[in-house]
Every structure is written in structure tokens, then in C-alpha cells.
Amino acid sequence: MTDEATELRGRQQALQAEANEVLAQLDLHRVLGDIGMSVLVGSAALGLMTWGDIDVTVVCKSLDEAAVLEAAAQPRLTDDAQLAILRIKTLWSRRPEYGSSVRSWDIYTAVVDDNVRDAGEFDRWLSRWQP
């Protein structure tokens, strides 16, 4: 494994551990359990954290739980795709437009659906989708 890959994965693991600690301290799943079933989503759920951000959704009884769970089931990312996402998110998380006009979902889509593997390819991918 390259030094960059080791650094990216190490940072992701440290952020993941911190997110798990925050979730445990807040006892969030128990607290939200009165409303419905809480589900960790986003980069914390996928092991793709580049900054401190925890996304949780709550599946309520009025929703079709089976449909939600089916939609959430995703194939496991390859190591190559995971590293590409971590690289691109790390670079983009420092930019002011990240989180507003460009989101993590854009990066996931570019890497998983269109095989984007680096920041230059992502910039070109974005130029096709944004004015």
C-alpha cells in the first residue's frame, strides 16, 4: 500500500472511530428509537469519511421499511473505488463549494457509476453536469 493510501485510510479510520464515539456518547440510536429505526447513512456508514460529519436517518412506521432497506443495500466498494473517493473528497472538502454546489453524493456517483478515479477526472465529470 502506498504512503498516500495508508494516510487516507488512517484518517478515515480515525474519523470513523470518533464518529462511533460521538454516537455512543449521545446514545443516539436509543434516543431516536422512540421515533423509529435510526440508520447511519452517508460517509460514516460507507467508511468514506474525510471530515467530521455524521448522517443519521430515521425510518418511521409510516414509511415502507422494506423499500427503504432495499434502496440502502449497496454492493461493497472495491479498494480502488474507495481510495478514489477518499482522495477526491479529501481535496474537495477544503473547497468552499463543497457541501453546497458539490456534495459527497456527486463524488460517489462519479466514481461508482462513471469510473472516475482522480480529481482531474472529477473536474471534467463535473463540467458535464454543471453549467
Foldseek 3Di string as FASTA:
>chain_A
DDPLLVVLLVQLVVLLVVVVVVCVVVVVQVVCVVFAGKDWDDCSVLSQDLDNDTDIDGDGPVDDVVVVVVVRDDDRDDSQLSSQLSQQCNVCVPDPCEPPVHYSVLSNCCCVVVVDRHNVSSVVVVVVVDD
